[in-house]
C-alpha cells in the first residue's frame, strides 16, 4: 500500500514553510514521530501528517505569541534636577516606544567614570503613557558617600516578546543621560 505522508521543512533563510509530499517507508507507516534531517530550528507536533511548527520565542519568554522581532526604541533620557548634592533625590526618566508587544522593562544605570553606582541602578516604572509609547521613571537618593562628578545614565529596555536594546545581544544605542553631583 503506497501512502503519501506530508513532511514540512522550514526554509532557514526565509522562515517560509514548504510542504513536500514524500512516500511513506515501512519504518514511517503508522509512526506519528518525525524522521529525517533536523534543521535545528523546527518544533514537532504529534500526530500523523502533522506539519512542523515554527519555533516560538513566546514560549521561551512566556509572553503572548507574536511576530515581534524588533527591540524597543529609546528616544530620550533625562534627569531632574541635573545637578544634585548628597542628600538630594533625583528623578531619572526615559521615553521608550515599542510598536509591537509593548515595553515591559526599562533599566536605568548611572555610572561615574565607568563605575556603576549601587544607589542609582534599577528598573524604572511606567509613569506616563502606555507600554507602546511611555515615560519610565525612577528616583535615586544621592547618598552622603557619593563621589562628586558628572554621572552618565545608561538605559536598557525589553518588550513582551523578549527583544532587548542595549543588553542581552540586542541592538545598541549611544543615547545617554547625565547629571552632576557637587
Protein backbone atom coordinates (compact mmCIF):
# COMPACT_ATOMS: atom_id res chain seq x y z
CA UNK A 1 0.00 0.00 0.00
CA UNK A 2 1.59 3.27 -1.12
CA UNK A 3 0.59 6.03 1.28
CA UNK A 4 1.76 9.62 0.98
CA UNK A 5 2.98 11.33 4.10
CA UNK A 6 3.42 15.10 4.24
CA UNK A 7 6.53 16.47 5.82
CA UNK A 8 7.01 20.22 6.13
CA UNK A 9 10.52 21.61 6.10
CA UNK A 10 11.36 25.06 7.35
CA UNK A 11 13.46 27.06 4.94
CA UNK A 12 16.02 28.54 7.31
CA UNK A 13 16.94 31.64 5.34
CA UNK A 14 13.44 32.97 4.73
CA UNK A 15 11.46 31.49 7.57
CA UNK A 16 8.94 30.27 4.98
CA UNK A 17 7.48 26.79 5.06
CA UNK A 18 7.35 24.42 2.11
CA UNK A 19 5.23 21.27 2.14
CA UNK A 20 6.73 18.30 0.32
CA UNK A 21 4.90 15.08 -0.42
CA UNK A 22 7.03 12.01 0.18
CA UNK A 23 6.11 8.33 0.06
CA UNK A 24 5.91 6.63 3.41
CA UNK A 25 8.51 3.98 4.14
CA UNK A 26 7.71 0.86 6.14
CA UNK A 27 9.51 2.47 9.09
CA UNK A 28 7.21 5.52 8.85
CA UNK A 29 3.90 3.77 8.26
CA UNK A 30 1.68 4.47 11.26
CA UNK A 31 4.50 6.27 13.07
CA UNK A 32 3.48 9.75 14.28
CA UNK A 33 7.03 10.92 15.01
CA UNK A 34 9.28 12.90 12.69
CA UNK A 35 12.08 11.07 10.91
CA UNK A 36 14.55 12.84 8.70
CA UNK A 37 17.11 15.58 8.77
CA UNK A 38 16.81 18.16 11.51
CA UNK A 39 17.38 21.81 10.70
CA UNK A 40 17.76 22.57 14.40
CA UNK A 41 15.02 25.21 14.44
CA UNK A 42 11.84 23.21 13.98
CA UNK A 43 9.22 22.26 16.54
CA UNK A 44 7.36 18.97 16.15
CA UNK A 45 3.66 18.40 16.69
CA UNK A 46 2.48 14.87 17.30
CA UNK A 47 0.08 13.08 15.02
CA UNK A 48 0.16 11.59 11.56
CA UNK A 49 0.61 14.10 8.77
CA UNK A 50 1.26 16.89 11.29
CA UNK A 51 3.38 19.70 9.86
CA UNK A 52 6.33 21.23 11.61
CA UNK A 53 5.53 24.39 13.51
CA UNK A 54 7.77 27.44 13.54
CA UNK A 55 9.55 27.70 16.91
CA UNK A 56 8.01 30.21 19.27
CA UNK A 57 10.02 32.91 21.03
CA UNK A 58 6.85 33.41 23.05
CA UNK A 59 7.16 30.11 24.87
CA UNK A 60 10.77 30.81 25.78
CA UNK A 61 9.88 34.25 27.14
CA UNK A 62 6.41 33.32 28.44
CA UNK A 63 4.82 36.19 26.51
CA UNK A 64 1.80 36.27 24.26
CA UNK A 65 2.71 34.86 20.86
CA UNK A 66 3.56 37.46 18.27
CA UNK A 67 5.85 38.04 15.38
CA UNK A 68 7.53 40.98 17.15
CA UNK A 69 11.26 40.75 16.48
CA UNK A 70 12.09 44.43 16.92
CA UNK A 71 13.63 45.81 20.10
CA UNK A 72 12.12 48.85 21.82
CA UNK A 73 13.32 52.32 20.77
CA UNK A 74 14.95 54.59 23.36
CA UNK A 75 14.03 58.18 22.45
CA UNK A 76 15.41 60.20 25.37
CA UNK A 77 16.90 60.05 28.85
CA UNK A 78 16.51 62.94 31.27
CA UNK A 79 17.48 63.70 34.87
CA UNK A 80 15.84 66.27 37.13
CA UNK A 81 17.42 68.17 38.70
CA UNK A 82 20.54 67.93 36.56
CA UNK A 83 22.75 68.98 39.48
CA UNK A 84 22.41 67.48 42.96
CA UNK A 85 24.22 67.26 46.28
CA UNK A 86 24.46 64.38 48.74
CA UNK A 87 21.10 64.06 50.49
CA UNK A 88 19.11 65.16 47.41
CA UNK A 89 16.80 62.96 45.37
CA UNK A 90 16.95 62.98 41.59
CA UNK A 91 14.41 61.60 39.12
CA UNK A 92 15.78 59.71 36.13
CA UNK A 93 13.38 59.16 33.21
CA UNK A 94 13.44 57.55 29.78
CA UNK A 95 10.97 57.89 26.89
CA UNK A 96 10.68 54.46 25.27
CA UNK A 97 8.46 53.15 22.45
CA UNK A 98 7.66 49.70 21.09
CA UNK A 99 5.01 49.38 18.38
CA UNK A 100 4.90 45.60 18.74
CA UNK A 101 4.15 43.86 22.03
CA UNK A 102 4.96 46.88 24.21
CA UNK A 103 7.75 47.69 26.64
CA UNK A 104 7.88 45.58 29.81
CA UNK A 105 11.17 46.64 31.43
CA UNK A 106 13.28 49.79 31.40
CA UNK A 107 16.50 49.81 33.38
CA UNK A 108 18.48 52.96 34.12
CA UNK A 109 22.04 52.61 35.32
CA UNK A 110 24.15 55.57 36.48
CA UNK A 111 27.93 55.40 36.46
CA UNK A 112 30.83 57.70 37.24
CA UNK A 113 33.99 57.18 35.18
CA UNK A 114 32.76 53.73 34.12
CA UNK A 115 31.92 52.53 37.64
CA UNK A 116 28.24 51.71 38.20
CA UNK A 117 26.61 53.29 41.25
CA UNK A 118 24.69 50.98 43.57
CA UNK A 119 22.38 53.86 44.53
CA UNK A 120 21.07 54.67 41.02
CA UNK A 121 20.88 51.36 39.17
CA UNK A 122 17.46 49.71 38.92
CA UNK A 123 14.32 49.18 36.86
CA UNK A 124 12.06 52.17 36.33
CA UNK A 125 8.25 52.24 36.48
CA UNK A 126 5.88 53.41 33.76
CA UNK A 127 4.86 56.87 34.96
CA UNK A 128 3.01 58.22 31.92
CA UNK A 129 1.77 57.00 28.55
CA UNK A 130 1.44 53.36 27.53
CA UNK A 131 3.66 50.33 27.10
CA UNK A 132 3.81 51.21 23.37
CA UNK A 133 4.82 54.87 23.99
CA UNK A 134 5.61 55.88 27.52
CA UNK A 135 7.88 57.54 30.03
CA UNK A 136 9.55 55.30 32.59
CA UNK A 137 10.97 56.90 35.76
CA UNK A 138 12.78 56.13 39.00
CA UNK A 139 14.02 58.15 41.94
CA UNK A 140 17.58 57.98 43.20
CA UNK A 141 18.61 59.28 46.63
CA UNK A 142 22.15 60.68 46.42
CA UNK A 143 23.98 59.26 49.45
CA UNK A 144 26.46 61.21 51.58
CA UNK A 145 29.17 58.88 50.27
CA UNK A 146 28.53 59.77 46.58
CA UNK A 147 31.61 60.97 44.73
CA UNK A 148 31.34 64.35 43.06
CA UNK A 149 31.43 64.46 39.27
CA UNK A 150 29.31 64.02 36.16
CA UNK A 151 27.45 60.69 36.03
CA UNK A 152 26.29 59.04 32.81
CA UNK A 153 22.92 57.27 32.73
CA UNK A 154 22.85 54.14 30.58
CA UNK A 155 19.34 52.99 29.56
CA UNK A 156 18.26 49.49 28.52
CA UNK A 157 14.81 48.09 27.77
CA UNK A 158 12.89 44.97 26.74
CA UNK A 159 9.48 44.25 25.26
CA UNK A 160 6.93 41.49 25.93
CA UNK A 161 8.40 39.36 23.12
CA UNK A 162 11.83 39.32 24.80
CA UNK A 163 13.59 41.79 22.49
CA UNK A 164 16.19 43.95 24.25
CA UNK A 165 18.01 47.18 23.41
CA UNK A 166 21.46 47.92 24.92
CA UNK A 167 21.80 44.48 26.55
CA UNK A 168 21.27 40.73 26.05
CA UNK A 169 22.60 40.77 22.48
CA UNK A 170 20.10 43.36 21.28
CA UNK A 171 20.92 46.45 19.25
CA UNK A 172 22.80 49.25 20.97
CA UNK A 173 22.32 52.99 21.06
CA UNK A 174 24.64 55.77 22.15
CA UNK A 175 21.77 57.61 23.89
CA UNK A 176 22.72 58.57 27.44
CA UNK A 177 21.54 60.96 30.11
CA UNK A 178 23.70 62.71 32.67
CA UNK A 179 23.67 64.52 35.99
CA UNK A 180 26.27 66.15 38.22
CA UNK A 181 26.86 65.58 41.91
CA UNK A 182 28.60 68.50 43.66
